[in-house]
Amino acid sequence: MTSTASNNRTCKKGHHYFKTSDCPTCPICEQERKPDSGLLSVLSAPARRALENKGIETAQDLSKYSKKEIISLHGIGPSSIPKLLEELKKHDLNFKIV
């Protein structure tokens, strides 16, 4: 794969990065805003954004949704579910039963 000028990008904060997809998200900004602890800290950036877009920031927030609802979110992949279940378990919570 060869690098083209259209794939070299600069975000609003001035970070330079290379992206092969049309996704506008700066990977450097995403890494900088990743929490150090809590539910969102164990997830990949797409999964984290999916939960943030639904207003889910804590295990308590997550427990208000069914597993099916969470799996349906764009950005939540198969590797996210075990991580989410573990976080719920730490707080003696579970997904909402439908």
PDB file of N, CA and C in Angstrom:
ATOM      1  N   MET A   1       0.843  -1.168   0.000  1.00  0.00           N
ATOM      2  CA  MET A   1       0.000   0.000   0.000  1.00  0.00           C
ATOM      3  C   MET A   1       0.893   1.237   0.000  1.00  0.00           C
ATOM      4  N   THR A   2       0.526   2.178  -0.819  1.00  0.00           N
ATOM      5  CA  THR A   2       1.320   3.393  -0.905  1.00  0.00           C
ATOM      6  C   THR A   2       0.594   4.535  -0.230  1.00  0.00           C
ATOM      7  N   SER A   3       1.363   5.431   0.323  1.00  0.00           N
ATOM      8  CA  SER A   3       0.806   6.593   1.004  1.00  0.00           C
ATOM      9  C   SER A   3       0.455   7.660  -0.019  1.00  0.00           C
ATOM     10  N   THR A   4      -0.746   8.222   0.113  1.00  0.00           N
ATOM     11  CA  THR A   4      -1.135   9.333  -0.752  1.00  0.00           C
ATOM     12  C   THR A   4      -1.398  10.553   0.101  1.00  0.00           C
ATOM     13  N   ALA A   5      -1.346  11.691  -0.504  1.00  0.00           N
ATOM     14  CA  ALA A   5      -1.540  12.942   0.228  1.00  0.00           C
ATOM     15  C   ALA A   5      -2.928  12.998   0.869  1.00  0.00           C
ATOM     16  N   SER A   6      -3.927  12.384   0.220  1.00  0.00           N
ATOM     17  CA  SER A   6      -5.284  12.424   0.775  1.00  0.00           C
ATOM     18  C   SER A   6      -5.418  11.580   2.034  1.00  0.00           C
ATOM     19  N   ASN A   7      -4.498  10.663   2.265  1.00  0.00           N
ATOM     20  CA  ASN A   7      -4.543   9.816   3.455  1.00  0.00           C
ATOM     21  C   ASN A   7      -3.751  10.408   4.616  1.00  0.00           C
ATOM     22  N   ASN A   8      -2.903  11.373   4.330  1.00  0.00           N
ATOM     23  CA  ASN A   8      -2.173  12.070   5.390  1.00  0.00           C
ATOM     24  C   ASN A   8      -3.055  13.216   5.869  1.00  0.00           C
ATOM     25  N   ARG A   9      -3.327  13.217   7.158  1.00  0.00           N
ATOM     26  CA  ARG A   9      -4.280  14.189   7.675  1.00  0.00           C
ATOM     27  C   ARG A   9      -3.718  14.948   8.874  1.00  0.00           C
ATOM     28  N   THR A  10      -4.352  16.061   9.163  1.00  0.00           N
ATOM     29  CA  THR A  10      -4.041  16.861  10.341  1.00  0.00           C
ATOM     30  C   THR A  10      -5.366  17.198  11.005  1.00  0.00           C
ATOM     31  N   CYS A  11      -5.465  16.913  12.311  1.00  0.00           N
ATOM     32  CA  CYS A  11      -6.710  17.203  13.022  1.00  0.00           C
ATOM     33  C   CYS A  11      -6.728  18.664  13.472  1.00  0.00           C
ATOM     34  N   LYS A  12      -7.834  19.063  14.102  1.00  0.00           N
ATOM     35  CA  LYS A  12      -8.002  20.438  14.571  1.00  0.00           C
ATOM     36  C   LYS A  12      -6.967  20.829  15.618  1.00  0.00           C
ATOM     37  N   LYS A  13      -6.437  19.826  16.355  1.00  0.00           N
ATOM     38  CA  LYS A  13      -5.422  20.098  17.375  1.00  0.00           C
ATOM     39  C   LYS A  13      -4.013  20.117  16.808  1.00  0.00           C
ATOM     40  N   GLY A  14      -3.877  19.822  15.505  1.00  0.00           N
ATOM     41  CA  GLY A  14      -2.578  19.862  14.863  1.00  0.00           C
ATOM     42  C   GLY A  14      -1.841  18.526  14.812  1.00  0.00           C
ATOM     43  N   HIS A  15      -2.486  17.445  15.239  1.00  0.00           N
ATOM     44  CA  HIS A  15      -1.854  16.120  15.159  1.00  0.00           C
ATOM     45  C   HIS A  15      -1.821  15.656  13.707  1.00  0.00           C
ATOM     46  N   HIS A  16      -0.692  15.140  13.287  1.00  0.00           N
ATOM     47  CA  HIS A  16      -0.548  14.585  11.941  1.00  0.00           C
ATOM     48  C   HIS A  16      -0.681  13.076  12.048  1.00  0.00           C
ATOM     49  N   TYR A  17      -1.506  12.493  11.179  1.00  0.00           N
ATOM     50  CA  TYR A  17      -1.713  11.051  11.185  1.00  0.00           C
ATOM     51  C   TYR A  17      -2.086  10.575   9.794  1.00  0.00           C
ATOM     52  N   PHE A  18      -1.998   9.266   9.606  1.00  0.00           N
ATOM     53  CA  PHE A  18      -2.305   8.620   8.332  1.00  0.00           C
ATOM     54  C   PHE A  18      -3.536   7.752   8.535  1.00  0.00           C
ATOM     55  N   LYS A  19      -4.506   7.848   7.629  1.00  0.00           N
ATOM     56  CA  LYS A  19      -5.735   7.066   7.736  1.00  0.00           C
ATOM     57  C   LYS A  19      -6.101   6.537   6.365  1.00  0.00           C
ATOM     58  N   THR A  20      -6.366   5.248   6.258  1.00  0.00           N
ATOM     59  CA  THR A  20      -6.747   4.667   4.970  1.00  0.00           C
ATOM     60  C   THR A  20      -8.250   4.708   4.741  1.00  0.00           C
ATOM     61  N   SER A  21      -9.033   4.921   5.809  1.00  0.00           N
ATOM     62  CA  SER A  21     -10.486   4.975   5.670  1.00  0.00           C
ATOM     63  C   SER A  21     -10.960   6.432   5.639  1.00  0.00           C
ATOM     64  N   ASP A  22     -12.260   6.601   5.460  1.00  0.00           N
ATOM     65  CA  ASP A  22     -12.856   7.937   5.456  1.00  0.00           C
ATOM     66  C   ASP A  22     -13.179   8.434   6.861  1.00  0.00           C
ATOM     67  N   CYS A  23     -12.900   7.632   7.862  1.00  0.00           N
ATOM     68  CA  CYS A  23     -13.199   7.997   9.248  1.00  0.00           C
ATOM     69  C   CYS A  23     -12.432   9.274   9.617  1.00  0.00           C
ATOM     70  N   PRO A  24     -13.142  10.308  10.101  1.00  0.00           N
ATOM     71  CA  PRO A  24     -12.492  11.580  10.402  1.00  0.00           C
ATOM     72  C   PRO A  24     -11.837  11.650  11.787  1.00  0.00           C
ATOM     73  N   THR A  25     -11.941  10.584  12.566  1.00  0.00           N
ATOM     74  CA  THR A  25     -11.453  10.604  13.945  1.00  0.00           C
ATOM     75  C   THR A  25      -9.937  10.518  14.014  1.00  0.00           C
ATOM     76  N   CYS A  26      -9.347  11.434  14.753  1.00  0.00           N
ATOM     77  CA  CYS A  26      -7.891  11.459  14.947  1.00  0.00           C
ATOM     78  C   CYS A  26      -7.522  10.413  15.996  1.00  0.00           C
ATOM     79  N   PRO A  27      -6.678   9.436  15.663  1.00  0.00           N
ATOM     80  CA  PRO A  27      -6.310   8.404  16.630  1.00  0.00           C
ATOM     81  C   PRO A  27      -5.503   8.955  17.811  1.00  0.00           C
ATOM     82  N   ILE A  28      -4.783  10.019  17.607  1.00  0.00           N
ATOM     83  CA  ILE A  28      -3.982  10.616  18.682  1.00  0.00           C
ATOM     84  C   ILE A  28      -4.911  11.295  19.688  1.00  0.00           C
ATOM     85  N   CYS A  29      -5.906  12.028  19.199  1.00  0.00           N
ATOM     86  CA  CYS A  29      -6.888  12.656  20.084  1.00  0.00           C
ATOM     87  C   CYS A  29      -7.665  11.595  20.859  1.00  0.00           C
ATOM     88  N   GLU A  30      -8.032  10.515  20.189  1.00  0.00           N
ATOM     89  CA  GLU A  30      -8.766   9.431  20.849  1.00  0.00           C
ATOM     90  C   GLU A  30      -7.946   8.823  21.977  1.00  0.00           C
ATOM     91  N   GLN A  31      -6.671   8.614  21.754  1.00  0.00           N
ATOM     92  CA  GLN A  31      -5.812   8.040  22.787  1.00  0.00           C
ATOM     93  C   GLN A  31      -5.659   9.004  23.959  1.00  0.00           C
ATOM     94  N   GLU A  32      -5.578  10.281  23.673  1.00  0.00           N
ATOM     95  CA  GLU A  32      -5.424  11.288  24.727  1.00  0.00           C
ATOM     96  C   GLU A  32      -6.659  11.396  25.617  1.00  0.00           C
ATOM     97  N   ARG A  33      -7.829  11.163  25.059  1.00  0.00           N
ATOM     98  CA  ARG A  33      -9.050  11.309  25.844  1.00  0.00           C
ATOM     99  C   ARG A  33      -9.544  10.001  26.465  1.00  0.00           C
ATOM    100  N   LYS A  34      -8.806   8.918  26.278  1.00  0.00           N
ATOM    101  CA  LYS A  34      -9.191   7.637  26.868  1.00  0.00           C
ATOM    102  C   LYS A  34      -9.060   7.729  28.388  1.00  0.00           C
ATOM    103  N   PRO A  35     -10.135   7.378  29.120  1.00  0.00           N
ATOM    104  CA  PRO A  35     -10.074   7.448  30.590  1.00  0.00           C
ATOM    105  C   PRO A  35      -9.063   6.460  31.166  1.00  0.00           C
ATOM    106  N   ASP A  36      -8.515   6.790  32.328  1.00  0.00           N
ATOM    107  CA  ASP A  36      -7.553   5.918  33.003  1.00  0.00           C
ATOM    108  C   ASP A  36      -8.226   4.805  33.787  1.00  0.00           C
ATOM    109  N   SER A  37      -9.482   5.002  34.149  1.00  0.00           N
ATOM    110  CA  SER A  37     -10.182   3.983  34.928  1.00  0.00           C
ATOM    111  C   SER A  37     -11.669   4.024  34.608  1.00  0.00           C
ATOM    112  N   GLY A  38     -12.378   3.004  35.053  1.00  0.00           N
ATOM    113  CA  GLY A  38     -13.815   2.956  34.855  1.00  0.00           C
ATOM    114  C   GLY A  38     -14.215   2.149  33.639  1.00  0.00           C
ATOM    115  N   LEU A  39     -15.490   2.093  33.422  1.00  0.00           N
ATOM    116  CA  LEU A  39     -16.077   1.305  32.341  1.00  0.00           C
ATOM    117  C   LEU A  39     -15.474   1.620  30.979  1.00  0.00           C
ATOM    118  N   LEU A  40     -15.368   2.885  30.644  1.00  0.00           N
ATOM    119  CA  LEU A  40     -14.911   3.274  29.305  1.00  0.00           C
ATOM    120  C   LEU A  40     -13.419   3.043  29.087  1.00  0.00           C
ATOM    121  N   SER A  41     -12.658   2.877  30.143  1.00  0.00           N
ATOM    122  CA  SER A  41     -11.211   2.699  30.009  1.00  0.00           C
ATOM    123  C   SER A  41     -10.827   1.335  29.455  1.00  0.00           C
ATOM    124  N   VAL A  42     -11.722   0.360  29.521  1.00  0.00           N
ATOM    125  CA  VAL A  42     -11.390  -1.000  29.075  1.00  0.00           C
ATOM    126  C   VAL A  42     -11.766  -1.249  27.618  1.00  0.00           C
ATOM    127  N   LEU A  43     -12.355  -0.271  26.965  1.00  0.00           N
ATOM    128  CA  LEU A  43     -12.890  -0.460  25.616  1.00  0.00           C
ATOM    129  C   LEU A  43     -12.039   0.189  24.535  1.00  0.00           C
ATOM    130  N   SER A  44     -12.223  -0.311  23.321  1.00  0.00           N
ATOM    131  CA  SER A  44     -11.591   0.309  22.155  1.00  0.00           C
ATOM    132  C   SER A  44     -12.277   1.647  21.894  1.00  0.00           C
ATOM    133  N   ALA A  45     -11.643   2.486  21.106  1.00  0.00           N
ATOM    134  CA  ALA A  45     -12.204   3.811  20.821  1.00  0.00           C
ATOM    135  C   ALA A  45     -13.588   3.735  20.163  1.00  0.00           C
ATOM    136  N   PRO A  46     -13.815   2.858  19.156  1.00  0.00           N
ATOM    137  CA  PRO A  46     -15.156   2.808  18.567  1.00  0.00           C
ATOM    138  C   PRO A  46     -16.227   2.382  19.577  1.00  0.00           C
ATOM    139  N   ALA A  47     -15.918   1.409  20.413  1.00  0.00           N
ATOM    140  CA  ALA A  47     -16.879   0.951  21.416  1.00  0.00           C
ATOM    141  C   ALA A  47     -17.131   2.046  22.452  1.00  0.00           C
ATOM    142  N   ARG A  48     -16.077   2.731  22.848  1.00  0.00           N
ATOM    143  CA  ARG A  48     -16.199   3.814  23.812  1.00  0.00           C
ATOM    144  C   ARG A  48     -17.100   4.925  23.256  1.00  0.00           C
ATOM    145  N   ARG A  49     -16.892   5.298  22.005  1.00  0.00           N
ATOM    146  CA  ARG A  49     -17.718   6.339  21.382  1.00  0.00           C
ATOM    147  C   ARG A  49     -19.170   5.898  21.269  1.00  0.00           C
ATOM    148  N   ALA A  50     -19.397   4.611  20.968  1.00  0.00           N
ATOM    149  CA  ALA A  50     -20.765   4.099  20.854  1.00  0.00           C
ATOM    150  C   ALA A  50     -21.511   4.264  22.172  1.00  0.00           C
ATOM    151  N   LEU A  51     -20.852   3.925  23.276  1.00  0.00           N
ATOM    152  CA  LEU A  51     -21.495   4.072  24.584  1.00  0.00           C
ATOM    153  C   LEU A  51     -21.655   5.542  24.957  1.00  0.00           C
ATOM    154  N   GLU A  52     -20.641   6.340  24.706  1.00  0.00           N
ATOM    155  CA  GLU A  52     -20.726   7.774  25.007  1.00  0.00           C
ATOM    156  C   GLU A  52     -21.892   8.424  24.264  1.00  0.00           C
ATOM    157  N   ASN A  53     -22.101   8.022  23.010  1.00  0.00           N
ATOM    158  CA  ASN A  53     -23.192   8.588  22.212  1.00  0.00           C
ATOM    159  C   ASN A  53     -24.564   8.257  22.789  1.00  0.00           C
ATOM    160  N   LYS A  54     -24.657   7.182  23.566  1.00  0.00           N
ATOM    161  CA  LYS A  54     -25.906   6.804  24.241  1.00  0.00           C
ATOM    162  C   LYS A  54     -25.962   7.356  25.660  1.00  0.00           C
ATOM    163  N   GLY A  55     -24.928   8.058  26.097  1.00  0.00           N
ATOM    164  CA  GLY A  55     -24.897   8.616  27.440  1.00  0.00           C
ATOM    165  C   GLY A  55     -24.488   7.601  28.497  1.00  0.00           C
ATOM    166  N   ILE A  56     -23.854   6.516  28.068  1.00  0.00           N
ATOM    167  CA  ILE A  56     -23.431   5.454  28.980  1.00  0.00           C
ATOM    168  C   ILE A  56     -21.977   5.691  29.362  1.00  0.00           C
ATOM    169  N   GLU A  57     -21.751   6.020  30.641  1.00  0.00           N
ATOM    170  CA  GLU A  57     -20.398   6.292  31.110  1.00  0.00           C
ATOM    171  C   GLU A  57     -19.991   5.429  32.294  1.00  0.00           C
ATOM    172  N   THR A  58     -20.966   4.790  32.944  1.00  0.00           N
ATOM    173  CA  THR A  58     -20.682   3.971  34.122  1.00  0.00           C
ATOM    174  C   THR A  58     -21.352   2.609  33.991  1.00  0.00           C
ATOM    175  N   ALA A  59     -20.951   1.679  34.838  1.00  0.00           N
ATOM    176  CA  ALA A  59     -21.588   0.360  34.867  1.00  0.00           C
ATOM    177  C   ALA A  59     -23.066   0.506  35.220  1.00  0.00           C
ATOM    178  N   GLN A  60     -23.374   1.445  36.090  1.00  0.00           N
ATOM    179  CA  GLN A  60     -24.774   1.702  36.470  1.00  0.00           C
ATOM    180  C   GLN A  60     -25.584   2.127  35.240  1.00  0.00           C
ATOM    181  N   ASP A  61     -25.020   3.008  34.432  1.00  0.00           N
ATOM    182  CA  ASP A  61     -25.690   3.423  33.188  1.00  0.00           C
ATOM    183  C   ASP A  61     -25.890   2.228  32.269  1.00  0.00           C
ATOM    184  N   LEU A  62     -24.863   1.403  32.141  1.00  0.00           N
ATOM    185  CA  LEU A  62     -24.899   0.247  31.243  1.00  0.00           C
ATOM    186  C   LEU A  62     -25.981  -0.749  31.661  1.00  0.00           C
ATOM    187  N   SER A  63     -26.198  -0.896  32.947  1.00  0.00           N
ATOM    188  CA  SER A  63     -27.167  -1.872  33.442  1.00  0.00           C
ATOM    189  C   SER A  63     -28.612  -1.522  33.067  1.00  0.00           C
ATOM    190  N   LYS A  64     -28.844  -0.347  32.559  1.00  0.00           N
ATOM    191  CA  LYS A  64     -30.184   0.078  32.141  1.00  0.00           C
ATOM    192  C   LYS A  64     -30.522  -0.396  30.730  1.00  0.00           C
ATOM    193  N   TYR A  65     -29.553  -1.048  30.071  1.00  0.00           N
ATOM    194  CA  TYR A  65     -29.732  -1.519  28.702  1.00  0.00           C
ATOM    195  C   TYR A  65     -29.603  -3.039  28.646  1.00  0.00           C
ATOM    196  N   SER A  66     -30.302  -3.645  27.686  1.00  0.00           N
ATOM    197  CA  SER A  66     -30.172  -5.089  27.485  1.00  0.00           C
ATOM    198  C   SER A  66     -28.903  -5.364  26.676  1.00  0.00           C
ATOM    199  N   LYS A  67     -28.444  -6.583  26.776  1.00  0.00           N
ATOM    200  CA  LYS A  67     -27.267  -6.988  26.003  1.00  0.00           C
ATOM    201  C   LYS A  67     -27.539  -6.807  24.509  1.00  0.00           C
ATOM    202  N   LYS A  68     -28.747  -7.131  24.087  1.00  0.00           N
ATOM    203  CA  LYS A  68     -29.122  -7.001  22.675  1.00  0.00           C
ATOM    204  C   LYS A  68     -29.044  -5.542  22.216  1.00  0.00           C
ATOM    205  N   GLU A  69     -29.494  -4.629  23.067  1.00  0.00           N
ATOM    206  CA  GLU A  69     -29.444  -3.200  22.725  1.00  0.00           C
ATOM    207  C   GLU A  69     -27.997  -2.730  22.570  1.00  0.00           C
ATOM    208  N   ILE A  70     -27.124  -3.197  23.451  1.00  0.00           N
ATOM    209  CA  ILE A  70     -25.718  -2.788  23.401  1.00  0.00           C
ATOM    210  C   ILE A  70     -25.025  -3.380  22.174  1.00  0.00           C
ATOM    211  N   ILE A  71     -25.281  -4.652  21.902  1.00  0.00           N
ATOM    212  CA  ILE A  71     -24.666  -5.303  20.732  1.00  0.00           C
ATOM    213  C   ILE A  71     -25.077  -4.611  19.435  1.00  0.00           C
ATOM    214  N   SER A  72     -26.278  -4.037  19.409  1.00  0.00           N
ATOM    215  CA  SER A  72     -26.769  -3.395  18.179  1.00  0.00           C
ATOM    216  C   SER A  72     -26.095  -2.056  17.884  1.00  0.00           C
ATOM    217  N   LEU A  73     -25.368  -1.510  18.849  1.00  0.00           N
ATOM    218  CA  LEU A  73     -24.717  -0.205  18.643  1.00  0.00           C
ATOM    219  C   LEU A  73     -23.536  -0.336  17.686  1.00  0.00           C
ATOM    220  N   HIS A  74     -23.447   0.579  16.756  1.00  0.00           N
ATOM    221  CA  HIS A  74     -22.310   0.614  15.835  1.00  0.00           C
ATOM    222  C   HIS A  74     -21.050   0.940  16.637  1.00  0.00           C
ATOM    223  N   GLY A  75     -20.064   0.056  16.543  1.00  0.00           N
ATOM    224  CA  GLY A  75     -18.820   0.262  17.276  1.00  0.00           C
ATOM    225  C   GLY A  75     -18.605  -0.789  18.352  1.00  0.00           C
ATOM    226  N   ILE A  76     -19.687  -1.459  18.743  1.00  0.00           N
ATOM    227  CA  ILE A  76     -19.575  -2.526  19.733  1.00  0.00           C
ATOM    228  C   ILE A  76     -19.330  -3.828  18.985  1.00  0.00           C
ATOM    229  N   GLY A  77     -18.168  -4.421  19.219  1.00  0.00           N
ATOM    230  CA  GLY A  77     -17.818  -5.672  18.567  1.00  0.00           C
ATOM    231  C   GLY A  77     -17.829  -6.828  19.545  1.00  0.00           C
ATOM    232  N   PRO A  78     -17.557  -8.033  19.043  1.00  0.00           N
ATOM    233  CA  PRO A  78     -17.587  -9.227  19.888  1.00  0.00           C
ATOM    234  C   PRO A  78     -16.618  -9.168  21.072  1.00  0.00           C
ATOM    235  N   SER A  79     -15.505  -8.491  20.928  1.00  0.00           N
ATOM    236  CA  SER A  79     -14.536  -8.430  22.025  1.00  0.00           C
ATOM    237  C   SER A  79     -14.967  -7.456  23.126  1.00  0.00           C
ATOM    238  N   SER A  80     -15.945  -6.612  22.855  1.00  0.00           N
ATOM    239  CA  SER A  80     -16.410  -5.642  23.852  1.00  0.00           C
ATOM    240  C   SER A  80     -17.301  -6.278  24.912  1.00  0.00           C
ATOM    241  N   ILE A  81     -18.094  -7.255  24.527  1.00  0.00           N
ATOM    242  CA  ILE A  81     -19.090  -7.817  25.437  1.00  0.00           C
ATOM    243  C   ILE A  81     -18.465  -8.450  26.679  1.00  0.00           C
ATOM    244  N   PRO A  82     -17.431  -9.305  26.568  1.00  0.00           N
ATOM    245  CA  PRO A  82     -16.828  -9.844  27.792  1.00  0.00           C
ATOM    246  C   PRO A  82     -16.270  -8.757  28.716  1.00  0.00           C
ATOM    247  N   LYS A  83     -15.732  -7.705  28.142  1.00  0.00           N
ATOM    248  CA  LYS A  83     -15.205  -6.595  28.939  1.00  0.00           C
ATOM    249  C   LYS A  83     -16.335  -5.881  29.671  1.00  0.00           C
ATOM    250  N   LEU A  84     -17.440  -5.691  28.985  1.00  0.00           N
ATOM    251  CA  LEU A  84     -18.582  -5.029  29.595  1.00  0.00           C
ATOM    252  C   LEU A  84     -19.190  -5.902  30.700  1.00  0.00           C
ATOM    253  N   LEU A  85     -19.291  -7.197  30.435  1.00  0.00           N
ATOM    254  CA  LEU A  85     -19.812  -8.115  31.450  1.00  0.00           C
ATOM    255  C   LEU A  85     -18.936  -8.113  32.702  1.00  0.00           C
ATOM    256  N   GLU A  86     -17.630  -8.064  32.520  1.00  0.00           N
ATOM    257  CA  GLU A  86     -16.697  -8.038  33.646  1.00  0.00           C
ATOM    258  C   GLU A  86     -16.878  -6.761  34.461  1.00  0.00           C
ATOM    259  N   GLU A  87     -17.057  -5.641  33.792  1.00  0.00           N
ATOM    260  CA  GLU A  87     -17.277  -4.380  34.495  1.00  0.00           C
ATOM    261  C   GLU A  87     -18.599  -4.400  35.260  1.00  0.00           C
ATOM    262  N   LEU A  88     -19.628  -4.960  34.657  1.00  0.00           N
ATOM    263  CA  LEU A  88     -20.907  -5.078  35.354  1.00  0.00           C
ATOM    264  C   LEU A  88     -20.762  -5.970  36.588  1.00  0.00           C
ATOM    265  N   LYS A  89     -20.059  -7.077  36.423  1.00  0.00           N
ATOM    266  CA  LYS A  89     -19.858  -8.032  37.521  1.00  0.00           C
ATOM    267  C   LYS A  89     -19.133  -7.376  38.702  1.00  0.00           C
ATOM    268  N   LYS A  90     -18.164  -6.523  38.426  1.00  0.00           N
ATOM    269  CA  LYS A  90     -17.417  -5.820  39.478  1.00  0.00           C
ATOM    270  C   LYS A  90     -18.345  -5.001  40.375  1.00  0.00           C
ATOM    271  N   HIS A  91     -19.462  -4.573  39.820  1.00  0.00           N
ATOM    272  CA  HIS A  91     -20.406  -3.720  40.554  1.00  0.00           C
ATOM    273  C   HIS A  91     -21.685  -4.475  40.926  1.00  0.00           C
ATOM    274  N   ASP A  92     -21.630  -5.805  40.832  1.00  0.00           N
ATOM    275  CA  ASP A  92     -22.797  -6.645  41.119  1.00  0.00           C
ATOM    276  C   ASP A  92     -24.017  -6.228  40.298  1.00  0.00           C
ATOM    277  N   LEU A  93     -23.785  -5.940  39.035  1.00  0.00           N
ATOM    278  CA  LEU A  93     -24.847  -5.543  38.111  1.00  0.00           C
ATOM    279  C   LEU A  93     -24.893  -6.512  36.941  1.00  0.00           C
ATOM    280  N   ASN A  94     -25.913  -6.385  36.127  1.00  0.00           N
ATOM    281  CA  ASN A  94     -26.032  -7.165  34.914  1.00  0.00           C
ATOM    282  C   ASN A  94     -26.793  -6.338  33.882  1.00  0.00           C
ATOM    283  N   PHE A  95     -26.802  -6.831  32.642  1.00  0.00           N
ATOM    284  CA  PHE A  95     -27.604  -6.177  31.624  1.00  0.00           C
ATOM    285  C   PHE A  95     -29.073  -6.281  32.004  1.00  0.00           C
ATOM    286  N   LYS A  96     -29.872  -5.339  31.534  1.00  0.00           N
ATOM    287  CA  LYS A  96     -31.316  -5.339  31.768  1.00  0.00           C
ATOM    288  C   LYS A  96     -31.910  -6.595  31.130  1.00  0.00           C
ATOM    289  N   ILE A  97     -32.808  -7.231  31.840  1.00  0.00           N
ATOM    290  CA  ILE A  97     -33.520  -8.399  31.304  1.00  0.00           C
ATOM    291  C   ILE A  97     -34.763  -7.884  30.599  1.00  0.00           C
ATOM    292  N   VAL A  98     -34.932  -8.343  29.365  1.00  0.00           N
ATOM    293  CA  VAL A  98     -36.070  -7.867  28.557  1.00  0.00           C
ATOM    294  C   VAL A  98     -37.229  -8.818  28.691  1.00  0.00           C
TER     295      VAL A  98
END
